[in-house]
């Protein structure tokens, strides 16, 4: 059962999200909050697997602020932005804060449920327009400019603080594989992969796949 919490100051949207979670097989609603300050206090108590987080919360604490603060103390919690904002600054600020997914509010209920399951499998679900913007930033240029492309993942170098297995898993993460796909490649369980990834993030002091890949390619 995947435990899901919601943080959104729009009552109608929050209610709609609650109904989607409650009706979805394998999902459990563990909290629904209308402001960031409440979320900062209560989310650590219920410890959800996934938090659907709006960016604009109508008070001093934005959704990105909440993610940054909570991710520092609870790195195991996965945060997925659910917002109307699709500008570059908000996208990358959210990813750098520790968000692992970014969906626009025009996404369907089926897309939302699929994204929640994907993020728990090690994926980084994003709405199409958001994914295109991220790809443009990480894509290697023909002239050798900075960027990231799965085909060039072998150019990363092992990181000394990580074990041989952790470096191996980080390289596979850099190719865009999900936990279950990495598990199949290495003949281990997806849960074992998840534990290794947790330790990788902890050792590298990062909060998500994007930051870990940047470390792998020595960009930070």
C-alpha atoms as a PDB file:
ATOM      1  CA  UNK A   1       0.000   0.000   0.000  1.00  0.00           C
ATOM      2  CA  UNK A   2       1.384   3.396  -1.018  1.00  0.00           C
ATOM      3  CA  UNK A   3       0.693   6.095   1.572  1.00  0.00           C
ATOM      4  CA  UNK A   4      -0.063   9.477  -0.004  1.00  0.00           C
ATOM      5  CA  UNK A   5      -0.435  12.943   1.505  1.00  0.00           C
ATOM      6  CA  UNK A   6      -1.703  16.090  -0.233  1.00  0.00           C
ATOM      7  CA  UNK A   7      -0.698  19.734   0.251  1.00  0.00           C
ATOM      8  CA  UNK A   8      -2.815  22.229  -1.712  1.00  0.00           C
ATOM      9  CA  UNK A   9      -4.536  25.433  -0.605  1.00  0.00           C
ATOM     10  CA  UNK A  10      -7.324  25.119  -3.187  1.00  0.00           C
ATOM     11  CA  UNK A  11     -10.199  23.321  -1.434  1.00  0.00           C
ATOM     12  CA  UNK A  12     -11.824  22.084  -4.656  1.00  0.00           C
ATOM     13  CA  UNK A  13      -8.597  20.649  -6.053  1.00  0.00           C
ATOM     14  CA  UNK A  14      -7.669  19.150  -2.697  1.00  0.00           C
ATOM     15  CA  UNK A  15     -11.070  17.455  -2.469  1.00  0.00           C
ATOM     16  CA  UNK A  16     -10.732  16.090  -6.013  1.00  0.00           C
ATOM     17  CA  UNK A  17      -7.282  14.696  -5.229  1.00  0.00           C
ATOM     18  CA  UNK A  18      -8.577  13.075  -2.048  1.00  0.00           C
ATOM     19  CA  UNK A  19     -11.298  11.285  -4.028  1.00  0.00           C
ATOM     20  CA  UNK A  20      -8.768  10.069  -6.606  1.00  0.00           C
ATOM     21  CA  UNK A  21      -6.463   8.651  -3.929  1.00  0.00           C
ATOM     22  CA  UNK A  22      -9.279   7.085  -1.922  1.00  0.00           C
ATOM     23  CA  UNK A  23     -10.711   5.350  -4.985  1.00  0.00           C
ATOM     24  CA  UNK A  24      -7.400   4.047  -6.355  1.00  0.00           C
ATOM     25  CA  UNK A  25      -6.378   0.479  -5.631  1.00  0.00           C
ATOM     26  CA  UNK A  26      -3.154   0.220  -3.659  1.00  0.00           C
ATOM     27  CA  UNK A  27      -3.157   3.854  -2.509  1.00  0.00           C
ATOM     28  CA  UNK A  28      -3.931   5.113   0.991  1.00  0.00           C
ATOM     29  CA  UNK A  29      -4.655   8.743   1.912  1.00  0.00           C
ATOM     30  CA  UNK A  30      -2.674   9.627   5.048  1.00  0.00           C
ATOM     31  CA  UNK A  31      -3.182  13.379   5.204  1.00  0.00           C
ATOM     32  CA  UNK A  32      -4.535  16.409   3.352  1.00  0.00           C
ATOM     33  CA  UNK A  33      -3.326  19.902   4.234  1.00  0.00           C
ATOM     34  CA  UNK A  34      -4.153  23.393   3.027  1.00  0.00           C
ATOM     35  CA  UNK A  35      -0.992  25.243   4.013  1.00  0.00           C
ATOM     36  CA  UNK A  36       2.736  24.689   4.272  1.00  0.00           C
ATOM     37  CA  UNK A  37       3.089  25.319   7.990  1.00  0.00           C
ATOM     38  CA  UNK A  38       0.551  22.611   8.792  1.00  0.00           C
ATOM     39  CA  UNK A  39       2.292  20.234   6.389  1.00  0.00           C
ATOM     40  CA  UNK A  40       5.676  20.831   8.021  1.00  0.00           C
ATOM     41  CA  UNK A  41       4.230  19.807  11.394  1.00  0.00           C
ATOM     42  CA  UNK A  42       2.002  16.886  10.411  1.00  0.00           C
ATOM     43  CA  UNK A  43       3.774  15.155   7.513  1.00  0.00           C
ATOM     44  CA  UNK A  44       6.639  13.966   9.772  1.00  0.00           C
ATOM     45  CA  UNK A  45       4.030  12.380  12.038  1.00  0.00           C
ATOM     46  CA  UNK A  46       2.279  10.305   9.355  1.00  0.00           C
ATOM     47  CA  UNK A  47       5.415   9.696   7.218  1.00  0.00           C
ATOM     48  CA  UNK A  48       3.747   9.169   3.807  1.00  0.00           C
ATOM     49  CA  UNK A  49       5.553   7.464   0.948  1.00  0.00           C
ATOM     50  CA  UNK A  50       4.555  10.207  -1.495  1.00  0.00           C
ATOM     51  CA  UNK A  51       3.482  13.826  -1.033  1.00  0.00           C
ATOM     52  CA  UNK A  52       1.573  15.658  -3.781  1.00  0.00           C
ATOM     53  CA  UNK A  53       2.739  19.243  -3.310  1.00  0.00           C
ATOM     54  CA  UNK A  54       1.380  22.427  -4.834  1.00  0.00           C
ATOM     55  CA  UNK A  55       3.890  25.263  -5.289  1.00  0.00           C
ATOM     56  CA  UNK A  56       1.772  28.301  -4.440  1.00  0.00           C
ATOM     57  CA  UNK A  57       0.228  27.741  -1.007  1.00  0.00           C
ATOM     58  CA  UNK A  58      -1.000  31.227  -0.181  1.00  0.00           C
ATOM     59  CA  UNK A  59       1.259  31.792   2.817  1.00  0.00           C
ATOM     60  CA  UNK A  60       4.909  32.343   3.697  1.00  0.00           C
ATOM     61  CA  UNK A  61       5.781  28.679   3.111  1.00  0.00           C
ATOM     62  CA  UNK A  62       5.736  27.743  -0.563  1.00  0.00           C
ATOM     63  CA  UNK A  63       5.556  24.123  -1.654  1.00  0.00           C
ATOM     64  CA  UNK A  64       9.197  24.276  -2.682  1.00  0.00           C
ATOM     65  CA  UNK A  65      10.153  25.630   0.762  1.00  0.00           C
ATOM     66  CA  UNK A  66       8.290  22.721   2.371  1.00  0.00           C
ATOM     67  CA  UNK A  67      10.056  20.148   0.227  1.00  0.00           C
ATOM     68  CA  UNK A  68      13.471  21.629   0.960  1.00  0.00           C
ATOM     69  CA  UNK A  69      12.868  21.553   4.728  1.00  0.00           C
ATOM     70  CA  UNK A  70      11.193  18.140   4.913  1.00  0.00           C
ATOM     71  CA  UNK A  71      13.583  16.407   2.519  1.00  0.00           C
ATOM     72  CA  UNK A  72      16.545  17.403   4.683  1.00  0.00           C
ATOM     73  CA  UNK A  73      15.179  15.454   7.666  1.00  0.00           C
ATOM     74  CA  UNK A  74      13.113  12.806   5.866  1.00  0.00           C
ATOM     75  CA  UNK A  75      14.977  11.876   2.653  1.00  0.00           C
ATOM     76  CA  UNK A  76      12.914   8.707   2.259  1.00  0.00           C
ATOM     77  CA  UNK A  77       9.720  10.701   1.589  1.00  0.00           C
ATOM     78  CA  UNK A  78       9.101  11.255  -2.140  1.00  0.00           C
ATOM     79  CA  UNK A  79       7.699  14.600  -3.261  1.00  0.00           C
ATOM     80  CA  UNK A  80       5.807  15.180  -6.475  1.00  0.00           C
ATOM     81  CA  UNK A  81       4.974  18.728  -7.526  1.00  0.00           C
ATOM     82  CA  UNK A  82       1.354  19.111  -8.658  1.00  0.00           C
ATOM     83  CA  UNK A  83       0.888  22.631  -9.969  1.00  0.00           C
ATOM     84  CA  UNK A  84      -0.172  24.993 -12.753  1.00  0.00           C
ATOM     85  CA  UNK A  85       3.315  26.505 -13.013  1.00  0.00           C
ATOM     86  CA  UNK A  86       5.398  25.326 -15.957  1.00  0.00           C
ATOM     87  CA  UNK A  87       8.135  27.959 -16.094  1.00  0.00           C
ATOM     88  CA  UNK A  88      11.771  26.841 -16.092  1.00  0.00           C
ATOM     89  CA  UNK A  89      12.691  28.580 -12.842  1.00  0.00           C
ATOM     90  CA  UNK A  90       9.981  26.833 -10.820  1.00  0.00           C
ATOM     91  CA  UNK A  91      10.727  23.429 -12.383  1.00  0.00           C
ATOM     92  CA  UNK A  92      14.422  23.418 -11.574  1.00  0.00           C
ATOM     93  CA  UNK A  93      14.014  25.090  -8.213  1.00  0.00           C
ATOM     94  CA  UNK A  94      11.605  22.279  -7.258  1.00  0.00           C
ATOM     95  CA  UNK A  95      13.933  19.549  -8.532  1.00  0.00           C
ATOM     96  CA  UNK A  96      16.901  21.059  -6.714  1.00  0.00           C
ATOM     97  CA  UNK A  97      14.824  21.269  -3.522  1.00  0.00           C
ATOM     98  CA  UNK A  98      14.251  17.505  -3.667  1.00  0.00           C
ATOM     99  CA  UNK A  99      11.139  16.905  -5.775  1.00  0.00           C
ATOM    100  CA  UNK A 100      11.265  13.618  -7.713  1.00  0.00           C
ATOM    101  CA  UNK A 101       8.359  14.325 -10.063  1.00  0.00           C
ATOM    102  CA  UNK A 102       6.527  17.290 -11.595  1.00  0.00           C
ATOM    103  CA  UNK A 103       2.932  17.087 -12.855  1.00  0.00           C
ATOM    104  CA  UNK A 104       0.731  19.850 -14.181  1.00  0.00           C
ATOM    105  CA  UNK A 105      -2.789  20.106 -12.788  1.00  0.00           C
ATOM    106  CA  UNK A 106      -4.298  19.399 -16.187  1.00  0.00           C
ATOM    107  CA  UNK A 107      -3.092  15.795 -15.814  1.00  0.00           C
ATOM    108  CA  UNK A 108      -5.849  13.188 -15.735  1.00  0.00           C
ATOM    109  CA  UNK A 109      -6.661  11.033 -12.712  1.00  0.00           C
ATOM    110  CA  UNK A 110      -5.165   8.017 -14.491  1.00  0.00           C
ATOM    111  CA  UNK A 111      -1.934   9.930 -15.191  1.00  0.00           C
ATOM    112  CA  UNK A 112      -1.728  11.015 -11.555  1.00  0.00           C
ATOM    113  CA  UNK A 113      -2.193   7.482 -10.201  1.00  0.00           C
ATOM    114  CA  UNK A 114       0.327   6.100 -12.692  1.00  0.00           C
ATOM    115  CA  UNK A 115       2.819   8.811 -11.678  1.00  0.00           C
ATOM    116  CA  UNK A 116       2.450   7.984  -7.978  1.00  0.00           C
ATOM    117  CA  UNK A 117       3.202   4.334  -8.657  1.00  0.00           C
ATOM    118  CA  UNK A 118       6.094   5.208 -10.961  1.00  0.00           C
ATOM    119  CA  UNK A 119       7.755   7.523  -8.453  1.00  0.00           C
ATOM    120  CA  UNK A 120       7.696   4.709  -5.884  1.00  0.00           C
ATOM    121  CA  UNK A 121       9.449   2.438  -8.400  1.00  0.00           C
ATOM    122  CA  UNK A 122      12.318   4.874  -8.744  1.00  0.00           C
ATOM    123  CA  UNK A 123      10.993   6.846 -11.686  1.00  0.00           C
ATOM    124  CA  UNK A 124      10.780  10.602 -12.123  1.00  0.00           C
ATOM    125  CA  UNK A 125       7.303  11.174 -13.590  1.00  0.00           C
ATOM    126  CA  UNK A 126       6.739  14.486 -15.352  1.00  0.00           C
ATOM    127  CA  UNK A 127       4.076  15.968 -17.577  1.00  0.00           C
ATOM    128  CA  UNK A 128       5.133  15.994 -21.231  1.00  0.00           C
ATOM    129  CA  UNK A 129       5.937  19.737 -21.489  1.00  0.00           C
ATOM    130  CA  UNK A 130       7.949  19.583 -18.268  1.00  0.00           C
ATOM    131  CA  UNK A 131       9.938  16.533 -19.378  1.00  0.00           C
ATOM    132  CA  UNK A 132      10.861  18.282 -22.648  1.00  0.00           C
ATOM    133  CA  UNK A 133      12.271  21.260 -20.750  1.00  0.00           C
ATOM    134  CA  UNK A 134      14.306  19.002 -18.481  1.00  0.00           C
ATOM    135  CA  UNK A 135      15.613  16.977 -21.431  1.00  0.00           C
ATOM    136  CA  UNK A 136      16.786  20.142 -23.200  1.00  0.00           C
ATOM    137  CA  UNK A 137      18.847  21.077 -20.166  1.00  0.00           C
ATOM    138  CA  UNK A 138      20.410  17.638 -19.703  1.00  0.00           C
ATOM    139  CA  UNK A 139      20.914  16.743 -23.357  1.00  0.00           C
ATOM    140  CA  UNK A 140      24.495  16.600 -24.593  1.00  0.00           C
ATOM    141  CA  UNK A 141      25.140  19.079 -27.385  1.00  0.00           C
ATOM    142  CA  UNK A 142      26.723  17.978 -30.649  1.00  0.00           C
ATOM    143  CA  UNK A 143      29.582  20.392 -29.983  1.00  0.00           C
ATOM    144  CA  UNK A 144      30.374  18.747 -26.658  1.00  0.00           C
ATOM    145  CA  UNK A 145      28.623  21.326 -24.488  1.00  0.00           C
ATOM    146  CA  UNK A 146      27.369  20.573 -21.014  1.00  0.00           C
ATOM    147  CA  UNK A 147      24.368  18.328 -20.759  1.00  0.00           C
ATOM    148  CA  UNK A 148      23.281  14.785 -20.068  1.00  0.00           C
ATOM    149  CA  UNK A 149      22.247  12.008 -22.388  1.00  0.00           C
ATOM    150  CA  UNK A 150      21.705   8.362 -21.296  1.00  0.00           C
ATOM    151  CA  UNK A 151      23.854   7.211 -24.218  1.00  0.00           C
ATOM    152  CA  UNK A 152      26.808   8.987 -22.639  1.00  0.00           C
ATOM    153  CA  UNK A 153      26.325   7.691 -19.093  1.00  0.00           C
ATOM    154  CA  UNK A 154      29.497   5.595 -19.371  1.00  0.00           C
ATOM    155  CA  UNK A 155      31.500   8.848 -19.272  1.00  0.00           C
ATOM    156  CA  UNK A 156      30.762   9.267 -15.576  1.00  0.00           C
ATOM    157  CA  UNK A 157      33.513   8.263 -13.152  1.00  0.00           C
ATOM    158  CA  UNK A 158      33.201   6.166  -9.979  1.00  0.00           C
ATOM    159  CA  UNK A 159      32.784   8.196  -6.807  1.00  0.00           C
ATOM    160  CA  UNK A 160      35.189   7.177  -4.065  1.00  0.00           C
ATOM    161  CA  UNK A 161      32.737   7.621  -1.195  1.00  0.00           C
ATOM    162  CA  UNK A 162      30.413   5.038  -2.771  1.00  0.00           C
ATOM    163  CA  UNK A 163      30.881   1.275  -2.764  1.00  0.00           C
ATOM    164  CA  UNK A 164      31.415  -0.628  -6.019  1.00  0.00           C
ATOM    165  CA  UNK A 165      27.759  -1.724  -6.011  1.00  0.00           C
ATOM    166  CA  UNK A 166      26.529   1.799  -5.276  1.00  0.00           C
ATOM    167  CA  UNK A 167      28.586   3.210  -8.155  1.00  0.00           C
ATOM    168  CA  UNK A 168      27.148   0.517 -10.401  1.00  0.00           C
ATOM    169  CA  UNK A 169      23.599   1.421  -9.399  1.00  0.00           C
ATOM    170  CA  UNK A 170      24.272   5.149  -9.799  1.00  0.00           C
ATOM    171  CA  UNK A 171      25.511   4.556 -13.347  1.00  0.00           C
ATOM    172  CA  UNK A 172      22.310   2.655 -14.137  1.00  0.00           C
ATOM    173  CA  UNK A 173      20.237   5.431 -12.580  1.00  0.00           C
ATOM    174  CA  UNK A 174      21.998   7.808 -14.969  1.00  0.00           C
ATOM    175  CA  UNK A 175      20.661   5.803 -17.927  1.00  0.00           C
ATOM    176  CA  UNK A 176      17.099   6.482 -16.752  1.00  0.00           C
ATOM    177  CA  UNK A 177      16.239   2.966 -15.574  1.00  0.00           C
ATOM    178  CA  UNK A 178      13.583   2.338 -12.913  1.00  0.00           C
ATOM    179  CA  UNK A 179      14.415   0.454  -9.701  1.00  0.00           C
ATOM    180  CA  UNK A 180      12.777  -2.726 -11.006  1.00  0.00           C
ATOM    181  CA  UNK A 181      14.787  -2.510 -14.251  1.00  0.00           C
ATOM    182  CA  UNK A 182      18.037  -2.023 -12.334  1.00  0.00           C
ATOM    183  CA  UNK A 183      17.091  -4.967 -10.124  1.00  0.00           C
ATOM    184  CA  UNK A 184      16.620  -7.174 -13.180  1.00  0.00           C
ATOM    185  CA  UNK A 185      19.995  -6.121 -14.599  1.00  0.00           C
ATOM    186  CA  UNK A 186      21.824  -6.858 -11.340  1.00  0.00           C
ATOM    187  CA  UNK A 187      19.788  -9.921 -10.295  1.00  0.00           C
ATOM    188  CA  UNK A 188      18.739  -8.338  -6.989  1.00  0.00           C
ATOM    189  CA  UNK A 189      15.367  -7.214  -5.627  1.00  0.00           C
ATOM    190  CA  UNK A 190      13.861  -3.785  -6.268  1.00  0.00           C
ATOM    191  CA  UNK A 191      13.807  -3.235  -2.510  1.00  0.00           C
ATOM    192  CA  UNK A 192      17.565  -3.846  -2.356  1.00  0.00           C
ATOM    193  CA  UNK A 193      18.019  -1.275  -5.112  1.00  0.00           C
ATOM    194  CA  UNK A 194      15.855   1.167  -3.166  1.00  0.00           C
ATOM    195  CA  UNK A 195      18.059   0.733  -0.070  1.00  0.00           C
ATOM    196  CA  UNK A 196      21.228   1.250  -2.090  1.00  0.00           C
ATOM    197  CA  UNK A 197      19.778   4.413  -3.643  1.00  0.00           C
ATOM    198  CA  UNK A 198      18.879   5.716  -0.176  1.00  0.00           C
ATOM    199  CA  UNK A 199      22.506   5.241   0.920  1.00  0.00           C
ATOM    200  CA  UNK A 200      23.780   6.834  -2.305  1.00  0.00           C
ATOM    201  CA  UNK A 201      21.674   9.941  -1.696  1.00  0.00           C
ATOM    202  CA  UNK A 202      22.781  10.016   1.935  1.00  0.00           C
ATOM    203  CA  UNK A 203      26.495   9.727   1.107  1.00  0.00           C
ATOM    204  CA  UNK A 204      26.332  12.280  -1.704  1.00  0.00           C
ATOM    205  CA  UNK A 205      24.105  14.579   0.367  1.00  0.00           C
ATOM    206  CA  UNK A 206      21.520  14.883  -2.396  1.00  0.00           C
ATOM    207  CA  UNK A 207      17.758  14.568  -2.428  1.00  0.00           C
ATOM    208  CA  UNK A 208      16.902  13.139  -5.824  1.00  0.00           C
ATOM    209  CA  UNK A 209      18.088  11.426  -9.008  1.00  0.00           C
ATOM    210  CA  UNK A 210      18.894  14.654 -10.849  1.00  0.00           C
ATOM    211  CA  UNK A 211      21.268  15.838  -8.114  1.00  0.00           C
ATOM    212  CA  UNK A 212      22.888  12.396  -7.870  1.00  0.00           C
ATOM    213  CA  UNK A 213      23.511  12.316 -11.638  1.00  0.00           C
ATOM    214  CA  UNK A 214      25.053  15.770 -11.477  1.00  0.00           C
ATOM    215  CA  UNK A 215      27.443  14.435  -8.826  1.00  0.00           C
ATOM    216  CA  UNK A 216      28.183  11.430 -11.042  1.00  0.00           C
ATOM    217  CA  UNK A 217      29.190  13.714 -13.901  1.00  0.00           C
ATOM    218  CA  UNK A 218      31.057  16.041 -11.516  1.00  0.00           C
ATOM    219  CA  UNK A 219      28.822  19.023 -12.239  1.00  0.00           C
ATOM    220  CA  UNK A 220      28.401  20.050  -8.577  1.00  0.00           C
END
